[in-house]
């Protein structure tokens, strides 16, 4: 847990103080990859609350989902078809579903105290 918090702090410091910028042409790829990564984080939080967390599954899912989402956006861009909508729909739906489950679990945990 402490390593995760430390990693978040380091990421925030790097994000705020290093001038890292991507060309706007990459924004569809970056946005779906970021959405996929956030979906993986919410899945990890859910798995932790269910005592089913596995770091190997998290890391491979985090990287794999981001790569697949980025590739889907890239292939769709080359074909002239907005395939990134499929990634947005899928990962967005899963993100909200995981959030709802996490919320319910936390409410039940606090109500039982």
C-alpha atoms as a PDB file:
ATOM      1  CA  UNK A   1       0.000   0.000   0.000  1.00  0.00           C
ATOM      2  CA  UNK A   2       2.750   2.424   0.918  1.00  0.00           C
ATOM      3  CA  UNK A   3       4.571   1.654  -2.327  1.00  0.00           C
ATOM      4  CA  UNK A   4       1.431   2.514  -4.301  1.00  0.00           C
ATOM      5  CA  UNK A   5       1.018   5.839  -2.508  1.00  0.00           C
ATOM      6  CA  UNK A   6       4.698   6.604  -3.037  1.00  0.00           C
ATOM      7  CA  UNK A   7       4.333   5.801  -6.749  1.00  0.00           C
ATOM      8  CA  UNK A   8       1.329   8.104  -7.072  1.00  0.00           C
ATOM      9  CA  UNK A   9       3.228  10.954  -5.414  1.00  0.00           C
ATOM     10  CA  UNK A  10       6.239  10.456  -7.699  1.00  0.00           C
ATOM     11  CA  UNK A  11       3.955  10.353 -10.753  1.00  0.00           C
ATOM     12  CA  UNK A  12       2.220  13.574  -9.733  1.00  0.00           C
ATOM     13  CA  UNK A  13       5.522  15.367  -9.122  1.00  0.00           C
ATOM     14  CA  UNK A  14       6.884  14.236 -12.494  1.00  0.00           C
ATOM     15  CA  UNK A  15       3.654  15.202 -14.236  1.00  0.00           C
ATOM     16  CA  UNK A  16       3.547  18.679 -12.747  1.00  0.00           C
ATOM     17  CA  UNK A  17       7.210  19.656 -13.035  1.00  0.00           C
ATOM     18  CA  UNK A  18       8.521  18.029 -16.216  1.00  0.00           C
ATOM     19  CA  UNK A  19       7.408  19.656 -19.457  1.00  0.00           C
ATOM     20  CA  UNK A  20       6.220  16.511 -21.214  1.00  0.00           C
ATOM     21  CA  UNK A  21       3.942  17.243 -24.153  1.00  0.00           C
ATOM     22  CA  UNK A  22       2.504  15.031 -26.863  1.00  0.00           C
ATOM     23  CA  UNK A  23       1.538  16.283 -30.300  1.00  0.00           C
ATOM     24  CA  UNK A  24      -2.227  16.657 -30.650  1.00  0.00           C
ATOM     25  CA  UNK A  25      -2.252  14.051 -33.424  1.00  0.00           C
ATOM     26  CA  UNK A  26      -1.605  11.406 -30.746  1.00  0.00           C
ATOM     27  CA  UNK A  27      -4.468  12.506 -28.482  1.00  0.00           C
ATOM     28  CA  UNK A  28      -6.952   9.784 -29.559  1.00  0.00           C
ATOM     29  CA  UNK A  29      -4.337   7.087 -28.893  1.00  0.00           C
ATOM     30  CA  UNK A  30      -3.246   8.582 -25.600  1.00  0.00           C
ATOM     31  CA  UNK A  31      -6.794   9.103 -24.365  1.00  0.00           C
ATOM     32  CA  UNK A  32      -7.949   5.527 -24.973  1.00  0.00           C
ATOM     33  CA  UNK A  33      -4.714   4.114 -23.563  1.00  0.00           C
ATOM     34  CA  UNK A  34      -5.187   6.275 -20.464  1.00  0.00           C
ATOM     35  CA  UNK A  35      -8.809   5.162 -20.138  1.00  0.00           C
ATOM     36  CA  UNK A  36      -7.710   1.523 -20.378  1.00  0.00           C
ATOM     37  CA  UNK A  37      -5.058   2.107 -17.714  1.00  0.00           C
ATOM     38  CA  UNK A  38      -7.582   3.767 -15.382  1.00  0.00           C
ATOM     39  CA  UNK A  39      -9.927   0.826 -15.946  1.00  0.00           C
ATOM     40  CA  UNK A  40      -7.141  -1.529 -14.867  1.00  0.00           C
ATOM     41  CA  UNK A  41      -6.523   0.518 -11.709  1.00  0.00           C
ATOM     42  CA  UNK A  42     -10.209   0.391 -10.770  1.00  0.00           C
ATOM     43  CA  UNK A  43     -10.153  -3.355 -11.431  1.00  0.00           C
ATOM     44  CA  UNK A  44      -7.157  -3.671  -9.110  1.00  0.00           C
ATOM     45  CA  UNK A  45      -8.933  -1.726  -6.376  1.00  0.00           C
ATOM     46  CA  UNK A  46     -11.961  -3.982  -6.750  1.00  0.00           C
ATOM     47  CA  UNK A  47      -9.794  -7.121  -6.645  1.00  0.00           C
ATOM     48  CA  UNK A  48      -8.029  -5.836  -3.538  1.00  0.00           C
ATOM     49  CA  UNK A  49     -11.349  -5.262  -1.766  1.00  0.00           C
ATOM     50  CA  UNK A  50     -12.425  -8.798  -2.758  1.00  0.00           C
ATOM     51  CA  UNK A  51      -9.051 -10.199  -1.569  1.00  0.00           C
ATOM     52  CA  UNK A  52      -8.362 -11.523  -5.083  1.00  0.00           C
ATOM     53  CA  UNK A  53      -5.578  -9.130  -6.159  1.00  0.00           C
ATOM     54  CA  UNK A  54      -2.745 -10.645  -8.198  1.00  0.00           C
ATOM     55  CA  UNK A  55       0.076  -8.304  -9.203  1.00  0.00           C
ATOM     56  CA  UNK A  56       0.925 -10.300 -12.341  1.00  0.00           C
ATOM     57  CA  UNK A  57      -2.639 -10.072 -13.599  1.00  0.00           C
ATOM     58  CA  UNK A  58      -2.712  -6.351 -12.792  1.00  0.00           C
ATOM     59  CA  UNK A  59       0.542  -5.494 -14.568  1.00  0.00           C
ATOM     60  CA  UNK A  60      -0.211  -7.565 -17.660  1.00  0.00           C
ATOM     61  CA  UNK A  61      -3.766  -6.222 -17.820  1.00  0.00           C
ATOM     62  CA  UNK A  62      -2.591  -2.640 -17.308  1.00  0.00           C
ATOM     63  CA  UNK A  63      -0.021  -2.795 -20.101  1.00  0.00           C
ATOM     64  CA  UNK A  64      -2.010  -5.106 -22.379  1.00  0.00           C
ATOM     65  CA  UNK A  65      -5.236  -3.095 -22.201  1.00  0.00           C
ATOM     66  CA  UNK A  66      -3.388   0.159 -22.880  1.00  0.00           C
ATOM     67  CA  UNK A  67      -1.590  -1.351 -25.894  1.00  0.00           C
ATOM     68  CA  UNK A  68      -4.738  -2.947 -27.332  1.00  0.00           C
ATOM     69  CA  UNK A  69      -6.710   0.281 -26.922  1.00  0.00           C
ATOM     70  CA  UNK A  70      -3.952   2.318 -28.557  1.00  0.00           C
ATOM     71  CA  UNK A  71      -3.625  -0.165 -31.424  1.00  0.00           C
ATOM     72  CA  UNK A  72      -7.376  -0.221 -31.939  1.00  0.00           C
ATOM     73  CA  UNK A  73      -7.390   3.572 -32.224  1.00  0.00           C
ATOM     74  CA  UNK A  74      -4.386   3.489 -34.581  1.00  0.00           C
ATOM     75  CA  UNK A  75      -5.831   0.800 -36.874  1.00  0.00           C
ATOM     76  CA  UNK A  76      -9.159   2.593 -36.968  1.00  0.00           C
ATOM     77  CA  UNK A  77      -7.397   5.835 -37.828  1.00  0.00           C
ATOM     78  CA  UNK A  78      -5.538   4.194 -40.715  1.00  0.00           C
ATOM     79  CA  UNK A  79      -8.776   2.630 -42.000  1.00  0.00           C
ATOM     80  CA  UNK A  80     -10.702   5.875 -41.624  1.00  0.00           C
ATOM     81  CA  UNK A  81     -13.097   4.288 -39.133  1.00  0.00           C
ATOM     82  CA  UNK A  82     -13.361   5.631 -35.567  1.00  0.00           C
ATOM     83  CA  UNK A  83     -12.659   2.287 -33.864  1.00  0.00           C
ATOM     84  CA  UNK A  84     -11.501   4.079 -30.742  1.00  0.00           C
ATOM     85  CA  UNK A  85     -15.196   4.467 -29.872  1.00  0.00           C
ATOM     86  CA  UNK A  86     -15.261   0.728 -29.192  1.00  0.00           C
ATOM     87  CA  UNK A  87     -12.427   1.093 -26.687  1.00  0.00           C
ATOM     88  CA  UNK A  88     -14.058   4.129 -25.091  1.00  0.00           C
ATOM     89  CA  UNK A  89     -17.366   2.285 -24.741  1.00  0.00           C
ATOM     90  CA  UNK A  90     -15.821  -0.922 -23.397  1.00  0.00           C
ATOM     91  CA  UNK A  91     -13.372   0.585 -20.935  1.00  0.00           C
ATOM     92  CA  UNK A  92     -15.769   3.343 -19.916  1.00  0.00           C
ATOM     93  CA  UNK A  93     -18.507   0.820 -19.152  1.00  0.00           C
ATOM     94  CA  UNK A  94     -16.140  -1.382 -17.159  1.00  0.00           C
ATOM     95  CA  UNK A  95     -14.765   1.615 -15.292  1.00  0.00           C
ATOM     96  CA  UNK A  96     -18.228   2.714 -14.159  1.00  0.00           C
ATOM     97  CA  UNK A  97     -19.200  -0.872 -13.317  1.00  0.00           C
ATOM     98  CA  UNK A  98     -16.072  -1.359 -11.197  1.00  0.00           C
ATOM     99  CA  UNK A  99     -16.644   1.996  -9.508  1.00  0.00           C
ATOM    100  CA  UNK A 100     -20.216   1.032  -8.641  1.00  0.00           C
ATOM    101  CA  UNK A 101     -19.067  -2.287  -7.156  1.00  0.00           C
ATOM    102  CA  UNK A 102     -16.264  -0.591  -5.195  1.00  0.00           C
ATOM    103  CA  UNK A 103     -18.705   2.001  -3.880  1.00  0.00           C
ATOM    104  CA  UNK A 104     -21.178  -0.684  -2.751  1.00  0.00           C
ATOM    105  CA  UNK A 105     -18.448  -2.707  -1.070  1.00  0.00           C
ATOM    106  CA  UNK A 106     -17.122   0.329   0.814  1.00  0.00           C
ATOM    107  CA  UNK A 107     -20.613   1.391   1.907  1.00  0.00           C
ATOM    108  CA  UNK A 108     -21.338  -2.138   3.171  1.00  0.00           C
ATOM    109  CA  UNK A 109     -17.989  -2.247   4.970  1.00  0.00           C
ATOM    110  CA  UNK A 110     -18.633   1.073   6.732  1.00  0.00           C
ATOM    111  CA  UNK A 111     -22.267   0.200   7.563  1.00  0.00           C
ATOM    112  CA  UNK A 112     -21.176  -3.058   9.210  1.00  0.00           C
ATOM    113  CA  UNK A 113     -18.856  -1.243  11.619  1.00  0.00           C
END
